[in-house]
């Protein structure tokens, strides 16, 4: 009789453990899907903003540069154009570093954090 209770207890425990594991996997997969959608949206925003900024920036810089260069005498125009070139290169460097900072954020960070917590919990059970 005690063997039946022991077997039933193990079966119940195994069922609960299985449901818990399946629930955790379902939870983590839902989180992954949500973060995947967020990452796709963020990437599309980054691309649209980059392309738009580059296009409008180049047009604006071109017209402004041409206007300023033509305001100077013919002898000094080459120096003014070179100064603008240096200025634009510095601006490109700043934009590059800002873009790097934006892209450093780890994608799927919440999913990875939850998986690390799950691994730590499972490691502590051993």
N, C-alpha and C. Protein backbone atom coordinates (compact mmCIF):
# COMPACT_ATOMS: atom_id res chain seq x y z
N UNK A 1 0.81 -1.19 0.00
CA UNK A 1 0.00 0.00 0.00
C UNK A 1 0.86 1.26 0.00
N UNK A 2 1.95 1.24 0.74
CA UNK A 2 2.83 2.39 0.74
C UNK A 2 3.53 2.55 -0.60
N UNK A 3 3.73 1.41 -1.34
CA UNK A 3 4.33 1.50 -2.67
C UNK A 3 3.40 2.24 -3.62
N UNK A 4 2.06 2.02 -3.51
CA UNK A 4 1.12 2.73 -4.37
C UNK A 4 1.16 4.23 -4.10
N UNK A 5 1.23 4.62 -2.82
CA UNK A 5 1.30 6.04 -2.48
C UNK A 5 2.60 6.65 -3.00
N UNK A 6 3.67 5.86 -2.87
CA UNK A 6 4.98 6.34 -3.33
C UNK A 6 4.96 6.53 -4.85
N UNK A 7 4.41 5.58 -5.58
CA UNK A 7 4.33 5.65 -7.03
C UNK A 7 3.43 6.80 -7.46
N UNK A 8 2.29 6.94 -6.79
CA UNK A 8 1.37 8.03 -7.11
C UNK A 8 2.04 9.37 -6.82
N UNK A 9 2.76 9.46 -5.73
CA UNK A 9 3.46 10.70 -5.39
C UNK A 9 4.51 11.06 -6.41
N UNK A 10 5.26 10.07 -6.90
CA UNK A 10 6.27 10.33 -7.92
C UNK A 10 5.61 10.73 -9.24
N UNK A 11 4.51 10.09 -9.58
CA UNK A 11 3.80 10.44 -10.81
C UNK A 11 3.26 11.85 -10.75
N UNK A 12 2.70 12.20 -9.60
CA UNK A 12 2.18 13.55 -9.42
C UNK A 12 3.31 14.57 -9.48
N UNK A 13 4.42 14.24 -8.83
CA UNK A 13 5.58 15.14 -8.83
C UNK A 13 6.13 15.31 -10.24
N UNK A 14 6.22 14.20 -10.99
CA UNK A 14 6.72 14.27 -12.36
C UNK A 14 5.76 15.10 -13.23
N UNK A 15 4.48 14.95 -13.04
CA UNK A 15 3.50 15.73 -13.79
C UNK A 15 3.61 17.21 -13.49
N UNK A 16 3.76 17.53 -12.21
CA UNK A 16 3.91 18.94 -11.83
C UNK A 16 5.18 19.53 -12.40
N UNK A 17 6.25 18.73 -12.32
CA UNK A 17 7.52 19.21 -12.86
C UNK A 17 7.41 19.43 -14.37
N UNK A 18 6.76 18.51 -15.06
CA UNK A 18 6.58 18.66 -16.50
C UNK A 18 5.75 19.89 -16.84
N UNK A 19 4.67 20.12 -16.10
CA UNK A 19 3.84 21.31 -16.35
C UNK A 19 4.61 22.58 -16.06
N UNK A 20 5.43 22.57 -15.02
CA UNK A 20 6.24 23.74 -14.68
C UNK A 20 7.25 24.03 -15.78
N UNK A 21 7.92 23.00 -16.27
CA UNK A 21 8.90 23.18 -17.33
C UNK A 21 8.22 23.68 -18.60
N UNK A 22 7.08 23.09 -18.95
CA UNK A 22 6.36 23.54 -20.14
C UNK A 22 5.86 24.97 -19.99
N UNK A 23 5.41 25.32 -18.79
CA UNK A 23 4.97 26.70 -18.54
C UNK A 23 6.12 27.68 -18.68
N UNK A 24 7.28 27.29 -18.17
CA UNK A 24 8.45 28.17 -18.28
C UNK A 24 8.88 28.32 -19.73
N UNK A 25 8.87 27.22 -20.47
CA UNK A 25 9.23 27.30 -21.89
C UNK A 25 8.23 28.16 -22.67
N UNK A 26 6.96 28.02 -22.36
CA UNK A 26 5.95 28.84 -23.03
C UNK A 26 6.16 30.32 -22.72
N UNK A 27 6.42 30.61 -21.45
CA UNK A 27 6.65 31.98 -21.02
C UNK A 27 7.86 32.57 -21.73
N UNK A 28 8.94 31.82 -21.79
CA UNK A 28 10.17 32.31 -22.41
C UNK A 28 9.98 32.48 -23.92
N UNK A 29 9.24 31.58 -24.55
CA UNK A 29 9.03 31.71 -25.99
C UNK A 29 8.14 32.92 -26.29
N UNK A 30 7.15 33.19 -25.46
CA UNK A 30 6.33 34.38 -25.65
C UNK A 30 7.17 35.64 -25.50
N UNK A 31 8.05 35.65 -24.52
CA UNK A 31 8.95 36.79 -24.32
C UNK A 31 9.87 36.97 -25.52
N UNK A 32 10.36 35.87 -26.06
CA UNK A 32 11.23 35.94 -27.23
C UNK A 32 10.48 36.52 -28.42
N UNK A 33 9.23 36.12 -28.62
CA UNK A 33 8.44 36.63 -29.73
C UNK A 33 8.22 38.14 -29.58
N UNK A 34 7.89 38.57 -28.37
CA UNK A 34 7.67 40.00 -28.14
C UNK A 34 8.95 40.79 -28.39
N UNK A 35 10.07 40.29 -27.87
CA UNK A 35 11.33 41.00 -28.07
C UNK A 35 11.75 40.97 -29.54
N UNK A 36 11.44 39.90 -30.26
CA UNK A 36 11.75 39.83 -31.68
C UNK A 36 11.00 40.92 -32.44
N UNK A 37 9.73 41.10 -32.12
CA UNK A 37 8.94 42.15 -32.76
C UNK A 37 9.49 43.53 -32.41
N UNK A 38 9.89 43.72 -31.17
CA UNK A 38 10.45 45.01 -30.76
C UNK A 38 11.77 45.28 -31.50
N UNK A 39 12.59 44.26 -31.65
CA UNK A 39 13.86 44.43 -32.34
C UNK A 39 13.65 44.73 -33.82
N UNK A 40 12.68 44.07 -34.45
CA UNK A 40 12.39 44.36 -35.86
C UNK A 40 11.94 45.81 -36.01
N UNK A 41 11.08 46.27 -35.11
CA UNK A 41 10.60 47.64 -35.17
C UNK A 41 11.74 48.63 -34.93
N UNK A 42 12.58 48.34 -33.95
CA UNK A 42 13.72 49.21 -33.64
C UNK A 42 14.68 49.28 -34.82
N UNK A 43 14.94 48.14 -35.44
CA UNK A 43 15.85 48.12 -36.58
C UNK A 43 15.28 48.90 -37.75
N UNK A 44 13.99 48.77 -38.00
CA UNK A 44 13.39 49.53 -39.09
C UNK A 44 13.44 51.03 -38.79
N UNK A 45 13.25 51.41 -37.53
CA UNK A 45 13.36 52.82 -37.16
C UNK A 45 14.78 53.32 -37.40
N UNK A 46 15.76 52.55 -36.99
CA UNK A 46 17.16 52.94 -37.16
C UNK A 46 17.48 53.12 -38.64
N UNK A 47 17.04 52.19 -39.45
CA UNK A 47 17.33 52.28 -40.88
C UNK A 47 16.66 53.49 -41.53
N UNK A 48 15.39 53.71 -41.22
CA UNK A 48 14.68 54.85 -41.79
C UNK A 48 15.32 56.16 -41.36
N UNK A 49 15.64 56.27 -40.08
CA UNK A 49 16.26 57.49 -39.58
C UNK A 49 17.65 57.70 -40.16
N UNK A 50 18.40 56.65 -40.32
CA UNK A 50 19.74 56.78 -40.92
C UNK A 50 19.66 57.25 -42.37
N UNK A 51 18.82 56.59 -43.14
CA UNK A 51 18.71 56.96 -44.55
C UNK A 51 18.17 58.38 -44.70
N UNK A 52 17.13 58.71 -43.96
CA UNK A 52 16.57 60.06 -44.03
C UNK A 52 17.56 61.12 -43.59
N UNK A 53 18.25 60.86 -42.51
CA UNK A 53 19.24 61.81 -42.02
C UNK A 53 20.37 62.00 -43.02
N UNK A 54 20.82 60.92 -43.58
CA UNK A 54 21.92 61.02 -44.55
C UNK A 54 21.48 61.81 -45.78
N UNK A 55 20.33 61.48 -46.31
CA UNK A 55 19.86 62.16 -47.52
C UNK A 55 19.67 63.65 -47.29
N UNK A 56 18.92 63.99 -46.26
CA UNK A 56 18.66 65.40 -45.99
C UNK A 56 19.92 66.14 -45.56
N UNK A 57 20.75 65.48 -44.81
CA UNK A 57 22.00 66.11 -44.39
C UNK A 57 22.92 66.42 -45.55
N UNK A 58 23.01 65.48 -46.47
CA UNK A 58 23.87 65.70 -47.65
C UNK A 58 23.32 66.85 -48.50
N UNK A 59 22.01 66.86 -48.71
CA UNK A 59 21.43 67.96 -49.49
C UNK A 59 21.64 69.31 -48.82
N UNK A 60 21.38 69.37 -47.54
CA UNK A 60 21.56 70.63 -46.82
C UNK A 60 23.01 71.08 -46.81
N UNK A 61 23.90 70.14 -46.56
CA UNK A 61 25.32 70.49 -46.54
C UNK A 61 25.80 70.93 -47.91
N UNK A 62 25.31 70.28 -48.94
CA UNK A 62 25.71 70.65 -50.30
C UNK A 62 25.31 72.08 -50.63
N UNK A 63 24.06 72.41 -50.37
CA UNK A 63 23.60 73.77 -50.69
C UNK A 63 24.23 74.82 -49.79
N UNK A 64 24.37 74.53 -48.54
CA UNK A 64 24.99 75.49 -47.63
C UNK A 64 26.46 75.70 -47.99
N UNK A 65 27.14 74.62 -48.27
CA UNK A 65 28.55 74.72 -48.64
C UNK A 65 28.73 75.54 -49.92
N UNK A 66 27.92 75.23 -50.92
CA UNK A 66 28.02 75.97 -52.18
C UNK A 66 27.76 77.45 -51.96
N UNK A 67 26.76 77.76 -51.15
CA UNK A 67 26.44 79.16 -50.89
C UNK A 67 27.60 79.88 -50.21
N UNK A 68 28.14 79.26 -49.17
CA UNK A 68 29.23 79.89 -48.42
C UNK A 68 30.49 79.99 -49.28
N UNK A 69 30.80 78.95 -50.02
CA UNK A 69 32.01 78.98 -50.85
C UNK A 69 31.92 80.09 -51.89
N UNK A 70 30.76 80.27 -52.48
CA UNK A 70 30.62 81.31 -53.50
C UNK A 70 30.57 82.73 -52.92
N UNK A 71 30.42 82.84 -51.61
CA UNK A 71 30.46 84.16 -50.99
C UNK A 71 31.90 84.69 -50.90
N UNK A 72 32.87 83.78 -50.94
CA UNK A 72 34.28 84.19 -50.85
C UNK A 72 34.83 84.45 -52.23
N UNK A 73 35.98 85.15 -52.25
CA UNK A 73 36.63 85.44 -53.53
C UNK A 73 37.19 84.16 -54.14
N UNK A 74 37.48 84.22 -55.43
CA UNK A 74 37.95 83.03 -56.14
C UNK A 74 39.25 82.48 -55.57
N UNK A 75 40.12 83.34 -55.06
CA UNK A 75 41.42 82.90 -54.54
C UNK A 75 41.27 82.10 -53.25
N UNK A 76 40.26 82.38 -52.46
CA UNK A 76 40.13 81.70 -51.15
C UNK A 76 39.09 80.59 -51.16
N UNK A 77 38.42 80.38 -52.25
CA UNK A 77 37.36 79.36 -52.28
C UNK A 77 37.88 77.95 -51.99
N UNK A 78 39.08 77.64 -52.47
CA UNK A 78 39.62 76.30 -52.23
C UNK A 78 39.86 76.05 -50.75
N UNK A 79 40.29 77.07 -50.02
CA UNK A 79 40.53 76.93 -48.58
C UNK A 79 39.21 76.79 -47.82
N UNK A 80 38.22 77.52 -48.25
CA UNK A 80 36.90 77.42 -47.61
C UNK A 80 36.32 76.03 -47.86
N UNK A 81 36.46 75.53 -49.07
CA UNK A 81 35.96 74.20 -49.38
C UNK A 81 36.69 73.13 -48.56
N UNK A 82 38.00 73.29 -48.39
CA UNK A 82 38.77 72.34 -47.57
C UNK A 82 38.33 72.40 -46.12
N UNK A 83 38.07 73.58 -45.62
CA UNK A 83 37.60 73.71 -44.23
C UNK A 83 36.25 73.00 -44.06
N UNK A 84 35.38 73.14 -45.03
CA UNK A 84 34.10 72.43 -44.97
C UNK A 84 34.31 70.91 -45.00
N UNK A 85 35.25 70.47 -45.79
CA UNK A 85 35.56 69.04 -45.85
C UNK A 85 35.98 68.50 -44.49
N UNK A 86 36.85 69.24 -43.81
CA UNK A 86 37.30 68.83 -42.47
C UNK A 86 36.11 68.83 -41.50
N UNK A 87 35.29 69.85 -41.58
CA UNK A 87 34.11 69.93 -40.72
C UNK A 87 33.19 68.75 -40.95
N UNK A 88 32.97 68.38 -42.20
CA UNK A 88 32.08 67.25 -42.52
C UNK A 88 32.66 65.93 -42.04
N UNK A 89 33.96 65.77 -42.16
CA UNK A 89 34.59 64.54 -41.65
C UNK A 89 34.45 64.43 -40.14
N UNK A 90 34.60 65.54 -39.44
CA UNK A 90 34.41 65.52 -37.98
C UNK A 90 32.97 65.16 -37.64
N UNK A 91 32.03 65.71 -38.36
CA UNK A 91 30.62 65.38 -38.13
C UNK A 91 30.33 63.92 -38.41
N UNK A 92 30.94 63.37 -39.45
CA UNK A 92 30.76 61.95 -39.75
C UNK A 92 31.31 61.08 -38.63
N UNK A 93 32.42 61.50 -38.04
CA UNK A 93 32.99 60.75 -36.92
C UNK A 93 32.06 60.75 -35.71
N UNK A 94 31.50 61.90 -35.40
CA UNK A 94 30.55 61.99 -34.27
C UNK A 94 29.34 61.11 -34.53
N UNK A 95 28.81 61.17 -35.74
CA UNK A 95 27.63 60.35 -36.08
C UNK A 95 27.96 58.86 -35.99
N UNK A 96 29.14 58.47 -36.42
CA UNK A 96 29.55 57.08 -36.36
C UNK A 96 29.59 56.59 -34.91
N UNK A 97 30.17 57.37 -34.03
CA UNK A 97 30.26 56.95 -32.63
C UNK A 97 28.90 56.91 -31.94
N UNK A 98 28.03 57.81 -32.31
CA UNK A 98 26.68 57.78 -31.75
C UNK A 98 25.91 56.54 -32.25
N UNK A 99 26.10 56.18 -33.51
CA UNK A 99 25.45 54.99 -34.05
C UNK A 99 25.99 53.74 -33.38
N UNK A 100 27.29 53.70 -33.14
CA UNK A 100 27.87 52.57 -32.42
C UNK A 100 27.27 52.42 -31.04
N UNK A 101 27.08 53.54 -30.34
CA UNK A 101 26.49 53.51 -29.01
C UNK A 101 25.06 52.96 -29.06
N UNK A 102 24.31 53.35 -30.06
CA UNK A 102 22.94 52.87 -30.22
C UNK A 102 22.91 51.37 -30.48
N UNK A 103 23.84 50.88 -31.26
CA UNK A 103 23.84 49.48 -31.63
C UNK A 103 24.50 48.57 -30.60
N UNK A 104 25.09 49.13 -29.55
CA UNK A 104 25.72 48.33 -28.51
C UNK A 104 24.70 47.63 -27.62
N UNK A 105 23.49 48.14 -27.59
CA UNK A 105 22.47 47.53 -26.74
C UNK A 105 22.26 46.09 -27.18
N UNK A 106 22.29 45.21 -26.21
CA UNK A 106 22.18 43.78 -26.50
C UNK A 106 20.75 43.44 -26.93
N UNK A 107 20.60 42.85 -28.13
CA UNK A 107 19.25 42.45 -28.53
C UNK A 107 18.76 41.28 -27.69
N UNK A 108 17.46 41.23 -27.47
CA UNK A 108 16.82 40.17 -26.69
C UNK A 108 17.36 40.13 -25.27
N UNK A 109 17.66 41.28 -24.71
CA UNK A 109 18.27 41.34 -23.38
C UNK A 109 17.38 40.74 -22.30
N UNK A 110 16.09 40.99 -22.37
CA UNK A 110 15.21 40.45 -21.32
C UNK A 110 15.09 38.94 -21.42
N UNK A 111 15.03 38.41 -22.63
CA UNK A 111 14.98 36.95 -22.80
C UNK A 111 16.26 36.32 -22.26
N UNK A 112 17.39 36.90 -22.61
CA UNK A 112 18.66 36.36 -22.13
C UNK A 112 18.77 36.46 -20.61
N UNK A 113 18.28 37.55 -20.04
CA UNK A 113 18.31 37.70 -18.58
C UNK A 113 17.46 36.63 -17.91
N UNK A 114 16.29 36.37 -18.46
CA UNK A 114 15.42 35.35 -17.89
C UNK A 114 16.04 33.95 -18.03
N UNK A 115 16.67 33.68 -19.16
CA UNK A 115 17.33 32.38 -19.33
C UNK A 115 18.49 32.21 -18.36
N UNK A 116 19.22 33.29 -18.10
CA UNK A 116 20.31 33.22 -17.11
C UNK A 116 19.77 32.93 -15.72
N UNK A 117 18.64 33.58 -15.40
CA UNK A 117 18.02 33.31 -14.09
C UNK A 117 17.56 31.86 -14.00
N UNK A 118 16.99 31.33 -15.09
CA UNK A 118 16.55 29.94 -15.09
C UNK A 118 17.73 29.00 -14.92
N UNK A 119 18.84 29.29 -15.60
CA UNK A 119 20.02 28.45 -15.48
C UNK A 119 20.56 28.49 -14.06
N UNK A 120 20.59 29.67 -13.46
CA UNK A 120 21.09 29.77 -12.09
C UNK A 120 20.20 28.99 -11.13
N UNK A 121 18.90 29.05 -11.34
CA UNK A 121 17.98 28.30 -10.49
C UNK A 121 18.20 26.80 -10.66
N UNK A 122 18.35 26.35 -11.88
CA UNK A 122 18.59 24.93 -12.12
C UNK A 122 19.94 24.48 -11.57
N UNK A 123 20.95 25.35 -11.69
CA UNK A 123 22.26 25.02 -11.11
C UNK A 123 22.21 24.91 -9.60
N UNK A 124 21.37 25.72 -8.98
CA UNK A 124 21.29 25.68 -7.52
C UNK A 124 20.56 24.43 -7.03
N UNK A 125 19.78 23.80 -7.89
CA UNK A 125 19.06 22.57 -7.51
C UNK A 125 19.94 21.35 -7.53
N UNK A 126 21.06 21.43 -8.23
CA UNK A 126 21.94 20.25 -8.34
C UNK A 126 22.69 19.97 -7.07
